[in-house]
Amino acid sequence: MKTEMTPTEFLIDLLEYYTVDPKKRINKSDSCKYAPILSTSDGCALGRYLPLAIAQQWDILGEDIMDLCNRYNTPPILKNLSHNFPGFLSDCQLLHDTSINWDDKGLTIAGKDFIRYICRIKSYNLDISDFTRWLDDVEIVDKHIIPTKIKEYASEEINA
């Protein structure tokens, strides 16, 4: 297993895994836990990187991911991300855990907006153009987000 990932690699991995089957996000009680509960999931967005015993311990502790990473035995991928990009794992956890960000088909508009929010945090060093396949309702033009519908309307007026 890799010991380091950039925030871009981690967020892409999260999106690739959960947009294929958003039901992998939840356990039997329709909530997210670090440890896998259902046979259809490897655990939550962060729990997938934890040995099972640690994931189960963290579920019992129920603390914020940043506190857990700072106080307990943490795999290198999560430790490096938590120390080098403070807040990033918490934001990934919020994206993953918040039901309004997901539906049966994948990301909702709220989820896409949350990705845009995460990409605007300069200290994470994310480039929104790396996430356009999940933000299908926008186009990136000179690093500016242009909603597709606005671009269509603008081109209609210009071509009229």
Foldseek 3Di string as FASTA:
>chain_A
DDLADALLRLLVVLQVVCLVFVVLLAAPVRFFFLPHHDPVHRGHSQSVQPDRVLRVVCRVVVDQLLVCLVPHDDGNHSVCCCVQPPPSVNLVCCLSGDPQQADRNGGDPVSLVSVVVSQPPVSSVHQCVSVCVVVVQWDADPSDTHGPVVVVVVVVVVVD
